[in-house]
């Protein structure tokens, strides 16, 4: 039975990867042409191509999404703060987040042939090994927010492999929210890690992906002295909801003050 399941899994993953690559090569020429429209205008147009890519790939891969809104939907520029447990998260974000938006992503992904070109044109990349590069990424994100384009940040900074709902958050998203007076929209990807576990691509499987949109957190009137309190408030809200949907063995991780 295990051999049969392994063969079926291999067939499914090969099929899903083929569909992913086929869509990528179809849209690649359009992305190249649109790139001449500039980073802001061109990036907004590219976001629709990325959404189309995600919609097609998820449908053909047998992965369906369910959006759960804990507050009334509202179109506004915001900073999406999202938990990060799977490499599927980026594709899921392209499918479900309100447009226009940009994600903050690792600069290393831009080195992948073909895909890297699309990645660099649609993501604000950050090189965490360089203070100068990090500062440049922050400036680009702030300029993006000023252009009324939302930003998506994984505040844990890397994949959560802790066994807890969340890893400790970095300050960046919360400092930026306060400095630009941009509201924070916490979002939870509940099942992405089940669809694509950390074990690797060979464990990709079809099924549902629930996405929970939590109430917006206002930063009106806050100063940089409130960063830690704001970070803790958002962390607690996300942690509480995650524990309602999944069981975890240990008490909630508490952030340092």
C-alpha atoms as a PDB file:
ATOM      1  CA  UNK A   1       0.000   0.000   0.000  1.00  0.00           C
ATOM      2  CA  UNK A   2       2.841   2.426   0.871  1.00  0.00           C
ATOM      3  CA  UNK A   3       4.429   1.830  -2.524  1.00  0.00           C
ATOM      4  CA  UNK A   4       1.144   2.590  -4.297  1.00  0.00           C
ATOM      5  CA  UNK A   5       0.685   5.793  -2.267  1.00  0.00           C
ATOM      6  CA  UNK A   6       4.249   6.847  -3.053  1.00  0.00           C
ATOM      7  CA  UNK A   7       3.673   6.292  -6.782  1.00  0.00           C
ATOM      8  CA  UNK A   8       0.378   8.197  -6.698  1.00  0.00           C
ATOM      9  CA  UNK A   9       2.007  11.034  -4.759  1.00  0.00           C
ATOM     10  CA  UNK A  10       4.812  11.198  -7.307  1.00  0.00           C
ATOM     11  CA  UNK A  11       2.330  11.341 -10.193  1.00  0.00           C
ATOM     12  CA  UNK A  12       0.325  14.101  -8.500  1.00  0.00           C
ATOM     13  CA  UNK A  13       3.386  16.214  -7.656  1.00  0.00           C
ATOM     14  CA  UNK A  14       4.763  15.837 -11.181  1.00  0.00           C
ATOM     15  CA  UNK A  15       1.411  16.893 -12.603  1.00  0.00           C
ATOM     16  CA  UNK A  16       1.093  19.894 -10.250  1.00  0.00           C
ATOM     17  CA  UNK A  17       4.652  21.022 -10.990  1.00  0.00           C
ATOM     18  CA  UNK A  18       4.072  20.707 -14.738  1.00  0.00           C
ATOM     19  CA  UNK A  19       0.936  22.854 -14.546  1.00  0.00           C
ATOM     20  CA  UNK A  20       2.800  25.421 -12.424  1.00  0.00           C
ATOM     21  CA  UNK A  21       5.646  25.685 -14.922  1.00  0.00           C
ATOM     22  CA  UNK A  22       3.335  25.722 -17.943  1.00  0.00           C
ATOM     23  CA  UNK A  23       1.406  28.707 -16.566  1.00  0.00           C
ATOM     24  CA  UNK A  24       4.658  30.462 -15.688  1.00  0.00           C
ATOM     25  CA  UNK A  25       6.027  30.206 -19.221  1.00  0.00           C
ATOM     26  CA  UNK A  26       2.714  31.416 -20.661  1.00  0.00           C
ATOM     27  CA  UNK A  27       2.684  34.595 -18.566  1.00  0.00           C
ATOM     28  CA  UNK A  28       6.455  35.222 -18.654  1.00  0.00           C
ATOM     29  CA  UNK A  29       6.401  37.214 -21.939  1.00  0.00           C
ATOM     30  CA  UNK A  30       3.574  39.410 -20.599  1.00  0.00           C
ATOM     31  CA  UNK A  31       5.488  40.026 -17.371  1.00  0.00           C
ATOM     32  CA  UNK A  32       8.531  41.048 -19.405  1.00  0.00           C
ATOM     33  CA  UNK A  33       6.510  43.552 -21.442  1.00  0.00           C
ATOM     34  CA  UNK A  34       4.678  44.929 -18.398  1.00  0.00           C
ATOM     35  CA  UNK A  35       7.974  45.401 -16.541  1.00  0.00           C
ATOM     36  CA  UNK A  36       8.634  48.448 -18.743  1.00  0.00           C
ATOM     37  CA  UNK A  37       5.602  50.157 -17.158  1.00  0.00           C
ATOM     38  CA  UNK A  38       7.593  50.862 -14.002  1.00  0.00           C
ATOM     39  CA  UNK A  39       7.751  49.264 -10.583  1.00  0.00           C
ATOM     40  CA  UNK A  40       4.498  50.716  -9.226  1.00  0.00           C
ATOM     41  CA  UNK A  41       2.167  50.756 -12.231  1.00  0.00           C
ATOM     42  CA  UNK A  42       3.731  47.687 -13.824  1.00  0.00           C
ATOM     43  CA  UNK A  43       3.750  45.871 -10.503  1.00  0.00           C
ATOM     44  CA  UNK A  44       0.019  46.468 -10.044  1.00  0.00           C
ATOM     45  CA  UNK A  45      -0.701  44.985 -13.472  1.00  0.00           C
ATOM     46  CA  UNK A  46       1.599  42.040 -12.779  1.00  0.00           C
ATOM     47  CA  UNK A  47      -0.322  41.335  -9.571  1.00  0.00           C
ATOM     48  CA  UNK A  48      -3.387  40.461 -11.652  1.00  0.00           C
ATOM     49  CA  UNK A  49      -1.333  38.043 -13.742  1.00  0.00           C
ATOM     50  CA  UNK A  50      -0.026  36.477 -10.527  1.00  0.00           C
ATOM     51  CA  UNK A  51      -3.586  36.129  -9.250  1.00  0.00           C
ATOM     52  CA  UNK A  52      -4.651  34.490 -12.502  1.00  0.00           C
ATOM     53  CA  UNK A  53      -1.666  32.116 -12.232  1.00  0.00           C
ATOM     54  CA  UNK A  54      -2.648  31.221  -8.662  1.00  0.00           C
ATOM     55  CA  UNK A  55      -6.338  30.715  -9.477  1.00  0.00           C
ATOM     56  CA  UNK A  56      -5.547  28.365 -12.366  1.00  0.00           C
ATOM     57  CA  UNK A  57      -2.873  26.413 -10.527  1.00  0.00           C
ATOM     58  CA  UNK A  58      -4.909  25.913  -7.344  1.00  0.00           C
ATOM     59  CA  UNK A  59      -7.939  24.791  -9.364  1.00  0.00           C
ATOM     60  CA  UNK A  60      -5.985  22.295 -11.473  1.00  0.00           C
ATOM     61  CA  UNK A  61      -4.123  21.024  -8.406  1.00  0.00           C
ATOM     62  CA  UNK A  62      -7.321  20.259  -6.496  1.00  0.00           C
ATOM     63  CA  UNK A  63      -6.613  22.807  -3.749  1.00  0.00           C
ATOM     64  CA  UNK A  64      -9.576  24.998  -2.845  1.00  0.00           C
ATOM     65  CA  UNK A  65      -9.607  28.055  -0.618  1.00  0.00           C
ATOM     66  CA  UNK A  66     -12.135  29.187   1.955  1.00  0.00           C
ATOM     67  CA  UNK A  67     -11.988  32.769   3.221  1.00  0.00           C
ATOM     68  CA  UNK A  68     -13.225  33.380   6.786  1.00  0.00           C
ATOM     69  CA  UNK A  69     -13.828  37.023   7.748  1.00  0.00           C
ATOM     70  CA  UNK A  70     -14.026  37.885  11.432  1.00  0.00           C
ATOM     71  CA  UNK A  71     -14.904  41.491  10.612  1.00  0.00           C
ATOM     72  CA  UNK A  72     -16.637  43.316   7.785  1.00  0.00           C
ATOM     73  CA  UNK A  73     -14.570  43.480   4.596  1.00  0.00           C
ATOM     74  CA  UNK A  74     -13.120  46.915   3.928  1.00  0.00           C
ATOM     75  CA  UNK A  75     -11.005  48.097   1.017  1.00  0.00           C
ATOM     76  CA  UNK A  76      -8.082  50.050   2.449  1.00  0.00           C
ATOM     77  CA  UNK A  77      -4.332  50.224   2.227  1.00  0.00           C
ATOM     78  CA  UNK A  78      -2.920  48.104   5.042  1.00  0.00           C
ATOM     79  CA  UNK A  79      -0.022  45.992   6.193  1.00  0.00           C
ATOM     80  CA  UNK A  80      -1.001  42.322   6.047  1.00  0.00           C
ATOM     81  CA  UNK A  81       0.680  40.402   8.872  1.00  0.00           C
ATOM     82  CA  UNK A  82       0.559  36.673   8.094  1.00  0.00           C
ATOM     83  CA  UNK A  83       1.770  33.508   9.825  1.00  0.00           C
ATOM     84  CA  UNK A  84       4.324  31.476   7.876  1.00  0.00           C
ATOM     85  CA  UNK A  85       4.468  27.675   8.011  1.00  0.00           C
ATOM     86  CA  UNK A  86       4.680  26.557   4.372  1.00  0.00           C
ATOM     87  CA  UNK A  87       6.334  27.380   1.064  1.00  0.00           C
ATOM     88  CA  UNK A  88       2.795  27.385  -0.309  1.00  0.00           C
ATOM     89  CA  UNK A  89       2.081  30.624   1.575  1.00  0.00           C
ATOM     90  CA  UNK A  90       3.323  32.937  -1.195  1.00  0.00           C
ATOM     91  CA  UNK A  91       1.101  31.341  -3.840  1.00  0.00           C
ATOM     92  CA  UNK A  92      -1.850  31.364  -1.440  1.00  0.00           C
ATOM     93  CA  UNK A  93      -1.317  35.073  -0.767  1.00  0.00           C
ATOM     94  CA  UNK A  94      -1.386  35.810  -4.493  1.00  0.00           C
ATOM     95  CA  UNK A  95      -4.766  34.096  -4.690  1.00  0.00           C
ATOM     96  CA  UNK A  96      -6.622  35.543  -1.697  1.00  0.00           C
ATOM     97  CA  UNK A  97      -5.193  38.943  -0.722  1.00  0.00           C
ATOM     98  CA  UNK A  98      -6.858  42.168  -1.777  1.00  0.00           C
ATOM     99  CA  UNK A  99      -5.203  43.906  -4.729  1.00  0.00           C
ATOM    100  CA  UNK A 100      -3.000  45.796  -5.116  1.00  0.00           C
ATOM    101  CA  UNK A 101      -0.377  44.531  -2.671  1.00  0.00           C
ATOM    102  CA  UNK A 102       3.288  43.574  -2.533  1.00  0.00           C
ATOM    103  CA  UNK A 103       4.954  40.887  -0.461  1.00  0.00           C
ATOM    104  CA  UNK A 104       8.263  41.172   1.328  1.00  0.00           C
ATOM    105  CA  UNK A 105      10.393  38.209   0.259  1.00  0.00           C
ATOM    106  CA  UNK A 106      13.886  36.765   0.479  1.00  0.00           C
ATOM    107  CA  UNK A 107      16.317  38.017  -2.163  1.00  0.00           C
ATOM    108  CA  UNK A 108      17.628  34.463  -2.695  1.00  0.00           C
ATOM    109  CA  UNK A 109      14.403  33.452  -4.477  1.00  0.00           C
ATOM    110  CA  UNK A 110      15.240  35.885  -7.264  1.00  0.00           C
ATOM    111  CA  UNK A 111      18.141  33.661  -8.322  1.00  0.00           C
ATOM    112  CA  UNK A 112      15.841  30.872  -9.562  1.00  0.00           C
ATOM    113  CA  UNK A 113      15.905  30.758 -13.400  1.00  0.00           C
ATOM    114  CA  UNK A 114      12.824  32.274 -15.103  1.00  0.00           C
ATOM    115  CA  UNK A 115      10.753  32.280 -11.895  1.00  0.00           C
ATOM    116  CA  UNK A 116      13.296  34.637 -10.350  1.00  0.00           C
ATOM    117  CA  UNK A 117      12.586  37.286 -12.987  1.00  0.00           C
ATOM    118  CA  UNK A 118       8.874  37.271 -12.119  1.00  0.00           C
ATOM    119  CA  UNK A 119       9.654  37.169  -8.405  1.00  0.00           C
ATOM    120  CA  UNK A 120      11.892  40.248  -8.480  1.00  0.00           C
ATOM    121  CA  UNK A 121       9.283  42.213 -10.428  1.00  0.00           C
ATOM    122  CA  UNK A 122       6.404  41.451  -8.066  1.00  0.00           C
ATOM    123  CA  UNK A 123       8.028  41.258  -4.617  1.00  0.00           C
ATOM    124  CA  UNK A 124       9.930  43.700  -2.446  1.00  0.00           C
ATOM    125  CA  UNK A 125      13.086  41.672  -1.854  1.00  0.00           C
ATOM    126  CA  UNK A 126      15.202  41.890   1.294  1.00  0.00           C
ATOM    127  CA  UNK A 127      18.762  40.717   1.899  1.00  0.00           C
ATOM    128  CA  UNK A 128      18.866  40.184   5.658  1.00  0.00           C
ATOM    129  CA  UNK A 129      22.666  39.810   5.613  1.00  0.00           C
ATOM    130  CA  UNK A 130      23.132  43.467   4.654  1.00  0.00           C
ATOM    131  CA  UNK A 131      22.023  46.413   6.808  1.00  0.00           C
ATOM    132  CA  UNK A 132      22.133  48.681   3.747  1.00  0.00           C
ATOM    133  CA  UNK A 133      19.939  46.283   1.742  1.00  0.00           C
ATOM    134  CA  UNK A 134      17.457  46.017   4.626  1.00  0.00           C
ATOM    135  CA  UNK A 135      17.210  49.793   4.844  1.00  0.00           C
ATOM    136  CA  UNK A 136      16.631  50.014   1.089  1.00  0.00           C
ATOM    137  CA  UNK A 137      13.828  47.447   1.331  1.00  0.00           C
ATOM    138  CA  UNK A 138      12.186  49.424   4.131  1.00  0.00           C
ATOM    139  CA  UNK A 139      12.304  52.608   2.030  1.00  0.00           C
ATOM    140  CA  UNK A 140      10.753  50.763  -0.909  1.00  0.00           C
ATOM    141  CA  UNK A 141       7.959  49.351   1.259  1.00  0.00           C
ATOM    142  CA  UNK A 142       7.205  52.776   2.721  1.00  0.00           C
ATOM    143  CA  UNK A 143       7.077  54.308  -0.768  1.00  0.00           C
ATOM    144  CA  UNK A 144       4.739  51.486  -1.786  1.00  0.00           C
ATOM    145  CA  UNK A 145       2.396  52.267   1.108  1.00  0.00           C
ATOM    146  CA  UNK A 146       2.442  55.969   0.186  1.00  0.00           C
ATOM    147  CA  UNK A 147       1.258  54.928  -3.293  1.00  0.00           C
ATOM    148  CA  UNK A 148      -1.784  53.260  -1.636  1.00  0.00           C
ATOM    149  CA  UNK A 149      -0.477  49.748  -2.247  1.00  0.00           C
ATOM    150  CA  UNK A 150      -0.707  47.306   0.659  1.00  0.00           C
ATOM    151  CA  UNK A 151       2.275  45.339   1.951  1.00  0.00           C
ATOM    152  CA  UNK A 152       2.324  41.696   3.087  1.00  0.00           C
ATOM    153  CA  UNK A 153       4.892  40.702   5.702  1.00  0.00           C
ATOM    154  CA  UNK A 154       5.593  37.415   7.475  1.00  0.00           C
ATOM    155  CA  UNK A 155       6.598  38.898  10.861  1.00  0.00           C
ATOM    156  CA  UNK A 156       8.174  35.621  12.027  1.00  0.00           C
ATOM    157  CA  UNK A 157      10.837  36.207   9.392  1.00  0.00           C
ATOM    158  CA  UNK A 158      11.162  32.554   8.406  1.00  0.00           C
ATOM    159  CA  UNK A 159       9.180  29.314   8.363  1.00  0.00           C
ATOM    160  CA  UNK A 160       7.735  28.405  11.737  1.00  0.00           C
ATOM    161  CA  UNK A 161       9.136  25.011  12.749  1.00  0.00           C
ATOM    162  CA  UNK A 162       8.747  25.558  16.479  1.00  0.00           C
ATOM    163  CA  UNK A 163       5.705  23.352  17.114  1.00  0.00           C
ATOM    164  CA  UNK A 164       3.933  26.440  18.483  1.00  0.00           C
ATOM    165  CA  UNK A 165       1.300  28.493  16.629  1.00  0.00           C
ATOM    166  CA  UNK A 166       3.791  31.305  16.007  1.00  0.00           C
ATOM    167  CA  UNK A 167       7.454  32.174  16.297  1.00  0.00           C
ATOM    168  CA  UNK A 168       8.494  35.420  17.935  1.00  0.00           C
ATOM    169  CA  UNK A 169       7.723  38.430  15.742  1.00  0.00           C
ATOM    170  CA  UNK A 170      10.268  40.908  14.410  1.00  0.00           C
ATOM    171  CA  UNK A 171       9.612  44.616  14.944  1.00  0.00           C
ATOM    172  CA  UNK A 172       9.750  45.749  11.297  1.00  0.00           C
ATOM    173  CA  UNK A 173       6.092  45.499  10.284  1.00  0.00           C
ATOM    174  CA  UNK A 174       4.938  47.241  13.461  1.00  0.00           C
ATOM    175  CA  UNK A 175       7.472  50.059  13.288  1.00  0.00           C
ATOM    176  CA  UNK A 176       6.494  50.669   9.673  1.00  0.00           C
ATOM    177  CA  UNK A 177       2.781  50.652  10.530  1.00  0.00           C
ATOM    178  CA  UNK A 178       3.291  53.308  13.181  1.00  0.00           C
ATOM    179  CA  UNK A 179       5.670  55.444  11.129  1.00  0.00           C
ATOM    180  CA  UNK A 180       3.277  55.520   8.159  1.00  0.00           C
ATOM    181  CA  UNK A 181       0.074  55.379  10.256  1.00  0.00           C
ATOM    182  CA  UNK A 182      -1.047  52.355   8.227  1.00  0.00           C
ATOM    183  CA  UNK A 183      -3.486  49.878   9.844  1.00  0.00           C
ATOM    184  CA  UNK A 184      -2.469  46.254  10.359  1.00  0.00           C
ATOM    185  CA  UNK A 185      -4.593  43.421   9.008  1.00  0.00           C
ATOM    186  CA  UNK A 186      -3.679  40.085  10.687  1.00  0.00           C
ATOM    187  CA  UNK A 187      -4.297  37.068   8.443  1.00  0.00           C
ATOM    188  CA  UNK A 188      -3.981  33.360   9.241  1.00  0.00           C
ATOM    189  CA  UNK A 189      -3.226  30.576   6.771  1.00  0.00           C
ATOM    190  CA  UNK A 190      -4.653  27.562   8.581  1.00  0.00           C
ATOM    191  CA  UNK A 191      -3.991  24.662   6.215  1.00  0.00           C
ATOM    192  CA  UNK A 192      -1.107  25.626   3.914  1.00  0.00           C
ATOM    193  CA  UNK A 193       1.301  23.523   5.981  1.00  0.00           C
ATOM    194  CA  UNK A 194      -1.036  20.526   5.601  1.00  0.00           C
ATOM    195  CA  UNK A 195      -1.143  20.959   1.816  1.00  0.00           C
ATOM    196  CA  UNK A 196       2.648  21.439   1.556  1.00  0.00           C
ATOM    197  CA  UNK A 197       4.455  20.271   4.707  1.00  0.00           C
ATOM    198  CA  UNK A 198       8.026  21.271   5.525  1.00  0.00           C
ATOM    199  CA  UNK A 199       9.117  17.765   4.479  1.00  0.00           C
ATOM    200  CA  UNK A 200       9.335  18.993   0.892  1.00  0.00           C
ATOM    201  CA  UNK A 201       7.608  19.295  -2.465  1.00  0.00           C
ATOM    202  CA  UNK A 202       7.021  15.538  -2.754  1.00  0.00           C
ATOM    203  CA  UNK A 203       4.454  15.832   0.054  1.00  0.00           C
ATOM    204  CA  UNK A 204       2.240  18.354  -1.738  1.00  0.00           C
ATOM    205  CA  UNK A 205      -1.367  17.141  -1.616  1.00  0.00           C
ATOM    206  CA  UNK A 206      -4.842  18.388  -2.623  1.00  0.00           C
ATOM    207  CA  UNK A 207      -7.443  19.650  -0.172  1.00  0.00           C
ATOM    208  CA  UNK A 208      -8.753  22.824   1.445  1.00  0.00           C
ATOM    209  CA  UNK A 209      -6.857  25.942   2.485  1.00  0.00           C
ATOM    210  CA  UNK A 210      -8.711  28.102   4.989  1.00  0.00           C
ATOM    211  CA  UNK A 211      -7.708  31.746   5.327  1.00  0.00           C
ATOM    212  CA  UNK A 212      -8.888  33.768   8.341  1.00  0.00           C
ATOM    213  CA  UNK A 213      -8.969  37.568   8.100  1.00  0.00           C
ATOM    214  CA  UNK A 214      -8.897  39.015  11.614  1.00  0.00           C
ATOM    215  CA  UNK A 215     -10.222  42.489  12.512  1.00  0.00           C
ATOM    216  CA  UNK A 216      -8.014  45.384  11.469  1.00  0.00           C
ATOM    217  CA  UNK A 217      -5.744  46.783  14.160  1.00  0.00           C
ATOM    218  CA  UNK A 218      -5.618  50.596  14.131  1.00  0.00           C
ATOM    219  CA  UNK A 219      -2.359  52.412  14.859  1.00  0.00           C
ATOM    220  CA  UNK A 220      -3.882  55.888  15.053  1.00  0.00           C
ATOM    221  CA  UNK A 221      -2.051  58.021  17.589  1.00  0.00           C
ATOM    222  CA  UNK A 222       0.613  55.405  18.386  1.00  0.00           C
ATOM    223  CA  UNK A 223       4.301  56.310  18.550  1.00  0.00           C
ATOM    224  CA  UNK A 224       7.437  54.211  18.205  1.00  0.00           C
ATOM    225  CA  UNK A 225       7.376  53.805  21.967  1.00  0.00           C
ATOM    226  CA  UNK A 226       4.297  51.596  21.430  1.00  0.00           C
ATOM    227  CA  UNK A 227       5.945  49.108  19.027  1.00  0.00           C
ATOM    228  CA  UNK A 228       6.319  46.313  21.587  1.00  0.00           C
ATOM    229  CA  UNK A 229       2.774  46.706  22.880  1.00  0.00           C
ATOM    230  CA  UNK A 230       1.358  46.715  19.348  1.00  0.00           C
ATOM    231  CA  UNK A 231       3.424  43.678  18.396  1.00  0.00           C
ATOM    232  CA  UNK A 232       2.241  41.780  21.463  1.00  0.00           C
ATOM    233  CA  UNK A 233      -1.393  42.703  20.809  1.00  0.00           C
ATOM    234  CA  UNK A 234      -1.262  41.398  17.216  1.00  0.00           C
ATOM    235  CA  UNK A 235       0.686  38.312  18.288  1.00  0.00           C
ATOM    236  CA  UNK A 236      -1.895  37.478  20.981  1.00  0.00           C
ATOM    237  CA  UNK A 237      -4.824  37.934  18.588  1.00  0.00           C
ATOM    238  CA  UNK A 238      -3.280  35.607  15.989  1.00  0.00           C
ATOM    239  CA  UNK A 239      -2.124  33.065  18.577  1.00  0.00           C
ATOM    240  CA  UNK A 240      -5.580  32.880  20.174  1.00  0.00           C
ATOM    241  CA  UNK A 241      -7.369  32.174  16.884  1.00  0.00           C
ATOM    242  CA  UNK A 242      -4.783  29.618  15.741  1.00  0.00           C
ATOM    243  CA  UNK A 243      -5.311  27.696  18.991  1.00  0.00           C
ATOM    244  CA  UNK A 244      -9.046  27.554  18.278  1.00  0.00           C
ATOM    245  CA  UNK A 245      -8.413  25.693  15.028  1.00  0.00           C
ATOM    246  CA  UNK A 246      -5.406  23.519  15.947  1.00  0.00           C
ATOM    247  CA  UNK A 247      -4.097  21.745  19.030  1.00  0.00           C
ATOM    248  CA  UNK A 248      -0.621  22.631  20.318  1.00  0.00           C
ATOM    249  CA  UNK A 249       1.301  20.842  23.091  1.00  0.00           C
ATOM    250  CA  UNK A 250       2.766  23.790  24.998  1.00  0.00           C
ATOM    251  CA  UNK A 251       1.606  27.110  26.455  1.00  0.00           C
ATOM    252  CA  UNK A 252       1.541  30.200  24.235  1.00  0.00           C
ATOM    253  CA  UNK A 253       4.903  31.750  23.412  1.00  0.00           C
ATOM    254  CA  UNK A 254       5.219  35.169  25.018  1.00  0.00           C
ATOM    255  CA  UNK A 255       7.185  37.965  23.401  1.00  0.00           C
ATOM    256  CA  UNK A 256       9.861  39.861  25.236  1.00  0.00           C
ATOM    257  CA  UNK A 257       8.789  43.329  26.258  1.00  0.00           C
END
